[in-house]
Amino acid sequence: MGTVYIVIAVLVVLIILSSFVTVQQGTIGVTTIFGKYNRVLFPGLNFKIPLIEKVFKRITIQNRSVELEFQAITIDQANVYFKAMLLYSVWNQDEETIKNVAFKFVDERSFMQALVRTIEGSIRGFVATKRQSEVLGLRRDITEHVKEQIDQTLEEWGYHLQDLQMNDITFDEVIMKSMAQVVASNNLKAAAENEGQALLITKTKAAEADGNAIKIAAEAERQAAQLRGMGVALFREEVAKGMTMAAKEMQQANLDTSVILFSMWTEAIKHFAENSKGNVIFLDGSSEGMDHTMQQMMAMNKLMEQKSQR
C-alpha cells in the first residue's frame, strides 16, 4: 500500500514538472492540443496543460541568412551568374504571423526551397528584360525589384525580406575577356588623349616662351642699338665741340689751326699702331703724300672756319 502511494506521488510530481516549459530568448513556442493549434508561448517560463498540451514547434524570431548561387539570361542571350546573400526574419510576433510561420510549410527545408526559388525567379524575370552591358550597374535596382515582387508573398508566409546583397555578378569567360578588352582599350584611348593634350600644352607653352624670348631679345637689341647710336652721336658732338674750342684758342694765339688736324692725324696713326695686334698698316711716307695730306687738312680747316663764322 505504501508503494502505491509513492508511485502516485512520483507521477504527480512528474505531471507538475511537465506542466512547465521554458522558451529561449529569441524564439517563440507554438503549442497544440490533440494536433490543433492552441496558443503561442513567449520567451521565459510558461505553464501548459500537462499531458494534453504539447509544444509543436519553436520558431526563431532572429534574423537569418542564406547564400544563393544561380544563373540568369539577359535579353541579348548572355549568361549571368549571381552570388547573393539573403537576409530575412519573421515579420512580427503577432499570433497570425506565428501561425503562418508554423503551419504554412511542412518543414524548414520546404520553406527554404520555396523562398530561394521565388527569389531566383524574380531576379531571372528582371534580368531577362535587360542587356548584358546594363546588368553590372543594376545591383540596387535588382534588390528593389525583388523586394517589391516578393514582399507580399513572404508576408503571407509570415516572413519579411530584410536585405538582398548581390555579392558577385559574373559572365561567361569569353564575355569577361571581351569586357576586359573593352575597358583596356578605353583606358588606352583616354591615356592617348591625355598624353596628346599634355604634349599640345607643352609645345604651346614652349612656343609661347620662345616667342616671348624673341620679343625680349628684339626689344633689348633695339634699345642697345638706340643707345649705341646715341653714344656715337654724343661722341661726334663732343669731338666737334673740342675741335671748335681748340681752333678758337689757336686763332687767338695767332697759330695755324692746321696743326690741330696734323696732331689728330698723328694721334690716330699712333692709336692704330698700338692696337693693331700685328695687323699691317700701309702709309704713304713720300713728300708728295705728305703734301697731299696737308692740303686736305687745310681745306677741312677752312671749312671749319667758315662754319664757325656763320
C-alpha atoms as a PDB file:
ATOM      1  CA  MET A   1       0.000   0.000   0.000  1.00  0.00           C
ATOM      2  CA  GLY A   2       2.881   2.358   0.795  1.00  0.00           C
ATOM      3  CA  THR A   3       4.492   1.582  -2.546  1.00  0.00           C
ATOM      4  CA  VAL A   4       1.344   2.637  -4.405  1.00  0.00           C
ATOM      5  CA  TYR A   5       1.318   5.983  -2.646  1.00  0.00           C
ATOM      6  CA  ILE A   6       4.953   6.513  -3.533  1.00  0.00           C
ATOM      7  CA  VAL A   7       4.271   5.754  -7.187  1.00  0.00           C
ATOM      8  CA  ILE A   8       1.281   8.087  -7.219  1.00  0.00           C
ATOM      9  CA  ALA A   9       3.346  10.841  -5.565  1.00  0.00           C
ATOM     10  CA  VAL A  10       6.103  10.438  -8.155  1.00  0.00           C
ATOM     11  CA  LEU A  11       3.583  10.604 -11.004  1.00  0.00           C
ATOM     12  CA  VAL A  12       2.023  13.743  -9.563  1.00  0.00           C
ATOM     13  CA  VAL A  13       5.445  15.382  -9.291  1.00  0.00           C
ATOM     14  CA  LEU A  14       6.298  14.448 -12.891  1.00  0.00           C
ATOM     15  CA  ILE A  15       2.973  15.771 -14.114  1.00  0.00           C
ATOM     16  CA  ILE A  16       3.515  19.032 -12.255  1.00  0.00           C
ATOM     17  CA  LEU A  17       7.044  19.376 -13.633  1.00  0.00           C
ATOM     18  CA  SER A  18       5.886  18.620 -17.183  1.00  0.00           C
ATOM     19  CA  SER A  19       3.372  21.423 -16.934  1.00  0.00           C
ATOM     20  CA  PHE A  20       6.202  23.960 -17.035  1.00  0.00           C
ATOM     21  CA  VAL A  21       8.151  24.720 -20.198  1.00  0.00           C
ATOM     22  CA  THR A  22      10.994  27.179 -20.880  1.00  0.00           C
ATOM     23  CA  VAL A  23      11.178  29.147 -24.132  1.00  0.00           C
ATOM     24  CA  GLN A  24      14.628  30.528 -25.012  1.00  0.00           C
ATOM     25  CA  GLN A  25      15.180  34.218 -25.746  1.00  0.00           C
ATOM     26  CA  GLY A  26      14.837  34.945 -29.464  1.00  0.00           C
ATOM     27  CA  THR A  27      12.344  32.145 -30.043  1.00  0.00           C
ATOM     28  CA  ILE A  28       8.578  31.650 -29.723  1.00  0.00           C
ATOM     29  CA  GLY A  29       6.837  28.367 -28.922  1.00  0.00           C
ATOM     30  CA  VAL A  30       3.679  27.119 -30.629  1.00  0.00           C
ATOM     31  CA  THR A  31       1.503  24.614 -28.756  1.00  0.00           C
ATOM     32  CA  THR A  32      -1.225  22.247 -29.925  1.00  0.00           C
ATOM     33  CA  ILE A  33      -3.929  20.238 -28.195  1.00  0.00           C
ATOM     34  CA  PHE A  34      -4.786  16.969 -29.890  1.00  0.00           C
ATOM     35  CA  GLY A  35      -2.965  18.221 -33.024  1.00  0.00           C
ATOM     36  CA  LYS A  36      -4.830  21.515 -33.248  1.00  0.00           C
ATOM     37  CA  TYR A  37      -3.227  24.930 -32.754  1.00  0.00           C
ATOM     38  CA  ASN A  38      -3.752  26.226 -29.252  1.00  0.00           C
ATOM     39  CA  ARG A  39      -1.595  29.258 -28.391  1.00  0.00           C
ATOM     40  CA  VAL A  40       1.833  30.991 -28.511  1.00  0.00           C
ATOM     41  CA  LEU A  41       4.435  30.750 -25.758  1.00  0.00           C
ATOM     42  CA  PHE A  42       6.780  33.730 -25.348  1.00  0.00           C
ATOM     43  CA  PRO A  43      10.372  33.618 -24.031  1.00  0.00           C
ATOM     44  CA  GLY A  44      10.729  32.651 -20.395  1.00  0.00           C
ATOM     45  CA  LEU A  45       8.962  30.142 -18.104  1.00  0.00           C
ATOM     46  CA  ASN A  46       5.471  29.170 -19.306  1.00  0.00           C
ATOM     47  CA  PHE A  47       2.729  26.898 -17.951  1.00  0.00           C
ATOM     48  CA  LYS A  48       0.977  24.383 -20.187  1.00  0.00           C
ATOM     49  CA  ILE A  49      -1.708  21.802 -19.652  1.00  0.00           C
ATOM     50  CA  PRO A  50       0.048  18.591 -18.617  1.00  0.00           C
ATOM     51  CA  LEU A  51      -0.150  15.586 -20.947  1.00  0.00           C
ATOM     52  CA  ILE A  52      -2.600  17.306 -23.294  1.00  0.00           C
ATOM     53  CA  GLU A  53      -0.914  20.479 -24.494  1.00  0.00           C
ATOM     54  CA  LYS A  54       2.299  19.895 -26.453  1.00  0.00           C
ATOM     55  CA  VAL A  55       4.943  22.264 -27.837  1.00  0.00           C
ATOM     56  CA  PHE A  56       4.563  21.719 -31.564  1.00  0.00           C
ATOM     57  CA  LYS A  57       7.390  23.966 -32.816  1.00  0.00           C
ATOM     58  CA  ARG A  58       9.884  26.549 -31.635  1.00  0.00           C
ATOM     59  CA  ILE A  59      10.209  29.447 -34.071  1.00  0.00           C
ATOM     60  CA  THR A  60      13.198  31.768 -34.052  1.00  0.00           C
ATOM     61  CA  ILE A  61      12.435  35.464 -34.459  1.00  0.00           C
ATOM     62  CA  GLN A  62      16.070  36.392 -35.041  1.00  0.00           C
ATOM     63  CA  ASN A  63      17.442  37.402 -38.438  1.00  0.00           C
ATOM     64  CA  ARG A  64      18.545  34.509 -40.617  1.00  0.00           C
ATOM     65  CA  SER A  65      20.730  34.480 -43.704  1.00  0.00           C
ATOM     66  CA  VAL A  66      21.309  32.182 -46.640  1.00  0.00           C
ATOM     67  CA  GLU A  67      23.671  32.298 -49.619  1.00  0.00           C
ATOM     68  CA  LEU A  68      22.319  31.830 -53.131  1.00  0.00           C
ATOM     69  CA  GLU A  69      24.037  30.882 -56.389  1.00  0.00           C
ATOM     70  CA  PHE A  70      22.070  30.826 -59.618  1.00  0.00           C
ATOM     71  CA  GLN A  71      22.134  31.752 -63.296  1.00  0.00           C
ATOM     72  CA  ALA A  72      20.050  34.111 -65.435  1.00  0.00           C
ATOM     73  CA  ILE A  73      19.960  35.034 -69.129  1.00  0.00           C
ATOM     74  CA  THR A  74      19.778  38.588 -70.451  1.00  0.00           C
ATOM     75  CA  ILE A  75      17.654  39.774 -73.366  1.00  0.00           C
ATOM     76  CA  ASP A  76      20.711  39.550 -75.648  1.00  0.00           C
ATOM     77  CA  GLN A  77      21.278  35.897 -74.626  1.00  0.00           C
ATOM     78  CA  ALA A  78      24.239  36.420 -72.262  1.00  0.00           C
ATOM     79  CA  ASN A  79      24.612  34.102 -69.276  1.00  0.00           C
ATOM     80  CA  VAL A  80      24.862  35.938 -65.941  1.00  0.00           C
ATOM     81  CA  TYR A  81      25.962  34.154 -62.763  1.00  0.00           C
ATOM     82  CA  PHE A  82      24.854  35.546 -59.422  1.00  0.00           C
ATOM     83  CA  LYS A  83      26.110  35.037 -55.884  1.00  0.00           C
ATOM     84  CA  ALA A  84      23.830  36.670 -53.381  1.00  0.00           C
ATOM     85  CA  MET A  85      23.279  36.844 -49.629  1.00  0.00           C
ATOM     86  CA  LEU A  86      19.668  36.798 -48.438  1.00  0.00           C
ATOM     87  CA  LEU A  87      18.753  38.206 -45.018  1.00  0.00           C
ATOM     88  CA  TYR A  88      15.216  37.528 -43.741  1.00  0.00           C
ATOM     89  CA  SER A  89      13.261  37.219 -40.492  1.00  0.00           C
ATOM     90  CA  VAL A  90       9.795  36.574 -39.087  1.00  0.00           C
ATOM     91  CA  TRP A  91       7.553  39.521 -39.933  1.00  0.00           C
ATOM     92  CA  ASN A  92       6.408  40.187 -36.356  1.00  0.00           C
ATOM     93  CA  GLN A  93       5.281  38.391 -33.209  1.00  0.00           C
ATOM     94  CA  ASP A  94       1.553  38.603 -33.868  1.00  0.00           C
ATOM     95  CA  GLU A  95      -0.365  35.377 -33.387  1.00  0.00           C
ATOM     96  CA  GLU A  96      -1.500  35.171 -37.026  1.00  0.00           C
ATOM     97  CA  THR A  97       2.053  35.691 -38.261  1.00  0.00           C
ATOM     98  CA  ILE A  98       3.384  32.962 -35.962  1.00  0.00           C
ATOM     99  CA  LYS A  99       0.621  30.583 -37.100  1.00  0.00           C
ATOM    100  CA  ASN A 100       1.585  31.180 -40.756  1.00  0.00           C
ATOM    101  CA  VAL A 101       5.254  30.510 -39.997  1.00  0.00           C
ATOM    102  CA  ALA A 102       4.412  27.344 -38.072  1.00  0.00           C
ATOM    103  CA  PHE A 103       1.862  25.762 -40.408  1.00  0.00           C
ATOM    104  CA  LYS A 104       2.389  27.093 -43.975  1.00  0.00           C
ATOM    105  CA  PHE A 105       5.188  24.626 -44.734  1.00  0.00           C
ATOM    106  CA  VAL A 106       5.799  21.049 -43.721  1.00  0.00           C
ATOM    107  CA  ASP A 107       9.326  21.772 -42.543  1.00  0.00           C
ATOM    108  CA  GLU A 108      12.146  24.322 -42.738  1.00  0.00           C
ATOM    109  CA  ARG A 109      13.629  22.680 -45.832  1.00  0.00           C
ATOM    110  CA  SER A 110      10.433  23.156 -47.826  1.00  0.00           C
ATOM    111  CA  PHE A 111      10.234  26.802 -46.808  1.00  0.00           C
ATOM    112  CA  MET A 112      13.853  27.462 -47.844  1.00  0.00           C
ATOM    113  CA  GLN A 113      13.300  25.795 -51.202  1.00  0.00           C
ATOM    114  CA  ALA A 114      10.217  27.918 -51.884  1.00  0.00           C
ATOM    115  CA  LEU A 115      11.983  31.107 -50.733  1.00  0.00           C
ATOM    116  CA  VAL A 116      15.107  30.557 -52.859  1.00  0.00           C
ATOM    117  CA  ARG A 117      13.152  29.565 -55.962  1.00  0.00           C
ATOM    118  CA  THR A 118      10.842  32.567 -55.610  1.00  0.00           C
ATOM    119  CA  ILE A 119      13.767  34.990 -55.377  1.00  0.00           C
ATOM    120  CA  GLU A 120      15.611  33.331 -58.255  1.00  0.00           C
ATOM    121  CA  GLY A 121      12.505  33.545 -60.437  1.00  0.00           C
ATOM    122  CA  SER A 122      12.052  37.219 -59.653  1.00  0.00           C
ATOM    123  CA  ILE A 123      15.676  38.047 -60.471  1.00  0.00           C
ATOM    124  CA  ARG A 124      15.653  35.985 -63.654  1.00  0.00           C
ATOM    125  CA  GLY A 125      12.493  37.713 -64.825  1.00  0.00           C
ATOM    126  CA  PHE A 126      14.079  41.109 -64.209  1.00  0.00           C
ATOM    127  CA  VAL A 127      17.402  40.248 -65.868  1.00  0.00           C
ATOM    128  CA  ALA A 128      15.599  38.811 -68.904  1.00  0.00           C
ATOM    129  CA  THR A 129      14.468  42.359 -69.777  1.00  0.00           C
ATOM    130  CA  LYS A 130      17.968  43.880 -69.570  1.00  0.00           C
ATOM    131  CA  ARG A 131      21.041  43.790 -71.778  1.00  0.00           C
ATOM    132  CA  GLN A 132      24.348  42.315 -70.724  1.00  0.00           C
ATOM    133  CA  SER A 133      26.002  45.760 -70.618  1.00  0.00           C
ATOM    134  CA  GLU A 134      23.343  47.036 -68.187  1.00  0.00           C
ATOM    135  CA  VAL A 135      23.382  44.259 -65.606  1.00  0.00           C
ATOM    136  CA  LEU A 136      26.543  45.270 -63.715  1.00  0.00           C
ATOM    137  CA  GLY A 137      25.093  48.674 -62.879  1.00  0.00           C
ATOM    138  CA  LEU A 138      21.731  47.338 -61.657  1.00  0.00           C
ATOM    139  CA  ARG A 139      22.593  45.835 -58.260  1.00  0.00           C
ATOM    140  CA  ARG A 140      20.366  48.248 -56.344  1.00  0.00           C
ATOM    141  CA  ASP A 141      17.605  48.020 -58.955  1.00  0.00           C
ATOM    142  CA  ILE A 142      17.608  44.219 -58.754  1.00  0.00           C
ATOM    143  CA  THR A 143      17.315  44.317 -54.972  1.00  0.00           C
ATOM    144  CA  GLU A 144      14.453  46.812 -55.044  1.00  0.00           C
ATOM    145  CA  HIS A 145      12.666  44.816 -57.745  1.00  0.00           C
ATOM    146  CA  VAL A 146      12.916  41.576 -55.768  1.00  0.00           C
ATOM    147  CA  LYS A 147      11.671  43.161 -52.557  1.00  0.00           C
ATOM    148  CA  GLU A 148       8.782  44.773 -54.382  1.00  0.00           C
ATOM    149  CA  GLN A 149       7.809  41.496 -56.063  1.00  0.00           C
ATOM    150  CA  ILE A 150       8.018  39.043 -53.160  1.00  0.00           C
ATOM    151  CA  ASP A 151       7.334  41.125 -50.038  1.00  0.00           C
ATOM    152  CA  GLN A 152       3.600  40.395 -50.228  1.00  0.00           C
ATOM    153  CA  THR A 153       4.212  36.665 -50.781  1.00  0.00           C
ATOM    154  CA  LEU A 154       6.638  36.487 -47.856  1.00  0.00           C
ATOM    155  CA  GLU A 155       4.190  38.345 -45.649  1.00  0.00           C
ATOM    156  CA  GLU A 156       1.594  35.673 -46.354  1.00  0.00           C
ATOM    157  CA  TRP A 157       4.156  33.106 -45.229  1.00  0.00           C
ATOM    158  CA  GLY A 158       4.900  35.163 -42.093  1.00  0.00           C
ATOM    159  CA  TYR A 159       8.345  36.388 -43.169  1.00  0.00           C
ATOM    160  CA  HIS A 160       9.965  39.631 -44.248  1.00  0.00           C
ATOM    161  CA  LEU A 161      12.912  40.137 -46.608  1.00  0.00           C
ATOM    162  CA  GLN A 162      15.390  42.350 -44.746  1.00  0.00           C
ATOM    163  CA  ASP A 163      18.103  42.622 -47.392  1.00  0.00           C
ATOM    164  CA  LEU A 164      19.354  41.066 -50.600  1.00  0.00           C
ATOM    165  CA  GLN A 165      23.017  41.695 -51.435  1.00  0.00           C
ATOM    166  CA  MET A 166      24.465  40.882 -54.856  1.00  0.00           C
ATOM    167  CA  ASN A 167      27.985  39.945 -53.826  1.00  0.00           C
ATOM    168  CA  ASP A 168      29.178  38.759 -57.216  1.00  0.00           C
ATOM    169  CA  ILE A 169      27.904  39.125 -60.781  1.00  0.00           C
ATOM    170  CA  THR A 170      29.918  37.373 -63.489  1.00  0.00           C
ATOM    171  CA  PHE A 171      29.542  36.318 -67.117  1.00  0.00           C
ATOM    172  CA  ASP A 172      30.963  33.578 -69.319  1.00  0.00           C
ATOM    173  CA  GLU A 173      34.733  33.637 -69.709  1.00  0.00           C
ATOM    174  CA  VAL A 174      34.554  34.857 -73.316  1.00  0.00           C
ATOM    175  CA  ILE A 175      32.338  37.771 -72.338  1.00  0.00           C
ATOM    176  CA  MET A 176      34.536  38.636 -69.349  1.00  0.00           C
ATOM    177  CA  LYS A 177      37.603  38.683 -71.606  1.00  0.00           C
ATOM    178  CA  SER A 178      35.882  40.894 -74.184  1.00  0.00           C
ATOM    179  CA  MET A 179      34.698  43.253 -71.433  1.00  0.00           C
ATOM    180  CA  ALA A 180      38.257  43.463 -70.107  1.00  0.00           C
ATOM    181  CA  GLN A 181      39.496  44.253 -73.629  1.00  0.00           C
ATOM    182  CA  VAL A 182      36.890  46.997 -73.975  1.00  0.00           C
ATOM    183  CA  VAL A 183      37.943  48.515 -70.646  1.00  0.00           C
ATOM    184  CA  ALA A 184      41.622  48.268 -71.604  1.00  0.00           C
ATOM    185  CA  SER A 185      41.028  49.891 -74.996  1.00  0.00           C
ATOM    186  CA  ASN A 186      39.014  52.688 -73.380  1.00  0.00           C
ATOM    187  CA  ASN A 187      41.810  53.261 -70.883  1.00  0.00           C
ATOM    188  CA  LEU A 188      44.392  53.347 -73.691  1.00  0.00           C
ATOM    189  CA  LYS A 189      42.217  55.797 -75.610  1.00  0.00           C
ATOM    190  CA  ALA A 190      41.862  58.032 -72.569  1.00  0.00           C
ATOM    191  CA  ALA A 191      45.604  57.822 -71.902  1.00  0.00           C
ATOM    192  CA  ALA A 192      46.393  58.734 -75.528  1.00  0.00           C
ATOM    193  CA  GLU A 193      44.005  61.686 -75.385  1.00  0.00           C
ATOM    194  CA  ASN A 194      45.529  62.884 -72.118  1.00  0.00           C
ATOM    195  CA  GLU A 195      49.045  62.445 -73.488  1.00  0.00           C
ATOM    196  CA  GLY A 196      48.108  64.373 -76.635  1.00  0.00           C
ATOM    197  CA  GLN A 197      46.618  67.181 -74.591  1.00  0.00           C
ATOM    198  CA  ALA A 198      49.705  67.280 -72.371  1.00  0.00           C
ATOM    199  CA  LEU A 199      52.009  67.354 -75.432  1.00  0.00           C
ATOM    200  CA  LEU A 200      49.910  70.109 -77.009  1.00  0.00           C
ATOM    201  CA  ILE A 201      50.060  72.171 -73.837  1.00  0.00           C
ATOM    202  CA  THR A 202      53.836  71.586 -73.558  1.00  0.00           C
ATOM    203  CA  LYS A 203      54.504  72.616 -77.145  1.00  0.00           C
ATOM    204  CA  THR A 204      52.162  75.592 -76.860  1.00  0.00           C
ATOM    205  CA  LYS A 205      53.895  76.797 -73.705  1.00  0.00           C
ATOM    206  CA  ALA A 206      57.326  76.234 -75.306  1.00  0.00           C
ATOM    207  CA  ALA A 207      56.269  78.199 -78.399  1.00  0.00           C
ATOM    208  CA  GLU A 208      54.927  80.989 -76.215  1.00  0.00           C
ATOM    209  CA  ALA A 209      58.183  81.014 -74.240  1.00  0.00           C
ATOM    210  CA  ASP A 210      60.257  81.122 -77.453  1.00  0.00           C
ATOM    211  CA  GLY A 211      58.101  83.930 -78.831  1.00  0.00           C
ATOM    212  CA  ASN A 212      58.415  85.897 -75.619  1.00  0.00           C
ATOM    213  CA  ALA A 213      62.191  85.305 -75.605  1.00  0.00           C
ATOM    214  CA  ILE A 214      62.452  86.554 -79.209  1.00  0.00           C
ATOM    215  CA  LYS A 215      60.363  89.600 -78.361  1.00  0.00           C
ATOM    216  CA  ILE A 216      62.501  90.352 -75.309  1.00  0.00           C
ATOM    217  CA  ALA A 217      65.740  89.860 -77.273  1.00  0.00           C
ATOM    218  CA  ALA A 218      64.484  92.080 -80.109  1.00  0.00           C
ATOM    219  CA  GLU A 219      63.433  94.785 -77.666  1.00  0.00           C
ATOM    220  CA  ALA A 220      66.798  94.570 -75.917  1.00  0.00           C
ATOM    221  CA  GLU A 221      68.640  94.758 -79.271  1.00  0.00           C
ATOM    222  CA  ARG A 222      66.543  97.751 -80.284  1.00  0.00           C
ATOM    223  CA  GLN A 223      67.315  99.554 -77.062  1.00  0.00           C
ATOM    224  CA  ALA A 224      71.010  98.641 -77.341  1.00  0.00           C
ATOM    225  CA  ALA A 225      71.177  99.917 -80.938  1.00  0.00           C
ATOM    226  CA  GLN A 226      69.421 103.089 -79.876  1.00  0.00           C
ATOM    227  CA  LEU A 227      71.892 103.587 -77.045  1.00  0.00           C
ATOM    228  CA  ARG A 228      74.847 102.872 -79.342  1.00  0.00           C
ATOM    229  CA  GLY A 229      73.551 105.439 -81.833  1.00  0.00           C
ATOM    230  CA  MET A 230      73.095 107.960 -79.082  1.00  0.00           C
ATOM    231  CA  GLY A 231      76.621 107.228 -77.875  1.00  0.00           C
ATOM    232  CA  VAL A 232      78.126 107.730 -81.333  1.00  0.00           C
ATOM    233  CA  ALA A 233      76.145 110.950 -81.792  1.00  0.00           C
ATOM    234  CA  LEU A 234      77.282 112.281 -78.425  1.00  0.00           C
ATOM    235  CA  PHE A 235      80.870 111.282 -79.219  1.00  0.00           C
ATOM    236  CA  ARG A 236      80.778 113.147 -82.527  1.00  0.00           C
ATOM    237  CA  GLU A 237      79.168 116.109 -80.864  1.00  0.00           C
ATOM    238  CA  GLU A 238      81.866 116.231 -78.197  1.00  0.00           C
ATOM    239  CA  VAL A 239      84.617 115.855 -80.821  1.00  0.00           C
ATOM    240  CA  ALA A 240      83.151 118.729 -82.819  1.00  0.00           C
ATOM    241  CA  LYS A 241      82.947 120.914 -79.697  1.00  0.00           C
ATOM    242  CA  GLY A 242      86.518 120.071 -78.771  1.00  0.00           C
ATOM    243  CA  MET A 243      87.843 120.854 -82.225  1.00  0.00           C
ATOM    244  CA  THR A 244      85.892 124.140 -82.316  1.00  0.00           C
ATOM    245  CA  MET A 245      87.296 125.264 -78.967  1.00  0.00           C
ATOM    246  CA  ALA A 246      90.834 124.239 -79.963  1.00  0.00           C
ATOM    247  CA  ALA A 247      90.538 126.135 -83.233  1.00  0.00           C
ATOM    248  CA  LYS A 248      89.383 129.281 -81.424  1.00  0.00           C
ATOM    249  CA  GLU A 249      92.303 129.067 -78.991  1.00  0.00           C
ATOM    250  CA  MET A 250      94.753 128.590 -81.886  1.00  0.00           C
ATOM    251  CA  GLN A 251      93.331 131.651 -83.663  1.00  0.00           C
ATOM    252  CA  GLN A 252      93.572 133.737 -80.515  1.00  0.00           C
ATOM    253  CA  ALA A 253      97.231 132.716 -80.223  1.00  0.00           C
ATOM    254  CA  ASN A 254      97.822 133.571 -83.926  1.00  0.00           C
ATOM    255  CA  LEU A 255      98.705 129.959 -84.699  1.00  0.00           C
ATOM    256  CA  ASP A 256      97.813 127.919 -87.742  1.00  0.00           C
ATOM    257  CA  THR A 257      94.806 125.732 -86.973  1.00  0.00           C
ATOM    258  CA  SER A 258      96.055 123.052 -89.354  1.00  0.00           C
ATOM    259  CA  VAL A 259      98.394 121.984 -86.562  1.00  0.00           C
ATOM    260  CA  ILE A 260      95.303 120.577 -84.790  1.00  0.00           C
ATOM    261  CA  LEU A 261      94.460 118.385 -87.741  1.00  0.00           C
ATOM    262  CA  PHE A 262      98.059 117.237 -88.052  1.00  0.00           C
ATOM    263  CA  SER A 263      98.136 116.371 -84.354  1.00  0.00           C
ATOM    264  CA  MET A 264      94.900 114.419 -84.622  1.00  0.00           C
ATOM    265  CA  TRP A 265      96.240 112.579 -87.657  1.00  0.00           C
ATOM    266  CA  THR A 266      99.442 111.552 -85.867  1.00  0.00           C
ATOM    267  CA  GLU A 267      97.491 110.523 -82.753  1.00  0.00           C
ATOM    268  CA  ALA A 268      95.275 108.357 -84.930  1.00  0.00           C
ATOM    269  CA  ILE A 269      98.302 106.653 -86.513  1.00  0.00           C
ATOM    270  CA  LYS A 270      99.762 106.092 -83.045  1.00  0.00           C
ATOM    271  CA  HIS A 271      96.463 104.533 -81.881  1.00  0.00           C
ATOM    272  CA  PHE A 272      96.421 102.252 -84.941  1.00  0.00           C
ATOM    273  CA  ALA A 273      99.964 101.111 -84.228  1.00  0.00           C
ATOM    274  CA  GLU A 274      99.317 100.412 -80.531  1.00  0.00           C
ATOM    275  CA  ASN A 275      96.050  98.488 -81.057  1.00  0.00           C
ATOM    276  CA  SER A 276      96.637  96.816 -84.409  1.00  0.00           C
ATOM    277  CA  LYS A 277      97.617  93.461 -82.802  1.00  0.00           C
ATOM    278  CA  GLY A 278     100.016  92.518 -85.596  1.00  0.00           C
ATOM    279  CA  ASN A 279      97.994  93.947 -88.481  1.00  0.00           C
ATOM    280  CA  VAL A 280      99.957  95.754 -91.187  1.00  0.00           C
ATOM    281  CA  ILE A 281      99.134  99.436 -91.856  1.00  0.00           C
ATOM    282  CA  PHE A 282     100.421 100.989 -95.106  1.00  0.00           C
ATOM    283  CA  LEU A 283     101.055 104.781 -95.062  1.00  0.00           C
ATOM    284  CA  ASP A 284     102.307 106.992 -97.853  1.00  0.00           C
ATOM    285  CA  GLY A 285     105.592 108.400 -96.427  1.00  0.00           C
ATOM    286  CA  SER A 286     106.646 110.356 -99.569  1.00  0.00           C
ATOM    287  CA  SER A 287     106.811 114.138 -99.684  1.00  0.00           C
ATOM    288  CA  GLU A 288     104.008 114.192-102.243  1.00  0.00           C
ATOM    289  CA  GLY A 289     101.808 112.155 -99.958  1.00  0.00           C
ATOM    290  CA  MET A 290     102.595 114.399 -97.014  1.00  0.00           C
ATOM    291  CA  ASP A 291     101.839 117.466 -99.131  1.00  0.00           C
ATOM    292  CA  HIS A 292      98.563 115.956-100.295  1.00  0.00           C
ATOM    293  CA  THR A 293      97.562 115.136 -96.740  1.00  0.00           C
ATOM    294  CA  MET A 294      98.367 118.645 -95.527  1.00  0.00           C
ATOM    295  CA  GLN A 295      96.294 120.171 -98.313  1.00  0.00           C
ATOM    296  CA  GLN A 296      93.291 118.059 -97.271  1.00  0.00           C
ATOM    297  CA  MET A 297      93.731 119.126 -93.680  1.00  0.00           C
ATOM    298  CA  MET A 298      93.970 122.791 -94.627  1.00  0.00           C
ATOM    299  CA  ALA A 299      90.825 122.517 -96.744  1.00  0.00           C
ATOM    300  CA  MET A 300      88.982 120.921 -93.799  1.00  0.00           C
ATOM    301  CA  ASN A 301      90.318 123.682 -91.554  1.00  0.00           C
ATOM    302  CA  LYS A 302      88.971 126.415 -93.853  1.00  0.00           C
ATOM    303  CA  LEU A 303      85.625 124.655 -93.942  1.00  0.00           C
ATOM    304  CA  MET A 304      85.504 124.624 -90.144  1.00  0.00           C
ATOM    305  CA  GLU A 305      86.403 128.326 -90.013  1.00  0.00           C
ATOM    306  CA  GLN A 306      83.589 129.171 -92.410  1.00  0.00           C
ATOM    307  CA  LYS A 307      81.126 127.238 -90.272  1.00  0.00           C
ATOM    308  CA  SER A 308      82.316 128.967 -87.122  1.00  0.00           C
ATOM    309  CA  GLN A 309      81.983 132.419 -88.725  1.00  0.00           C
ATOM    310  CA  ARG A 310      78.398 131.673 -89.711  1.00  0.00           C
END
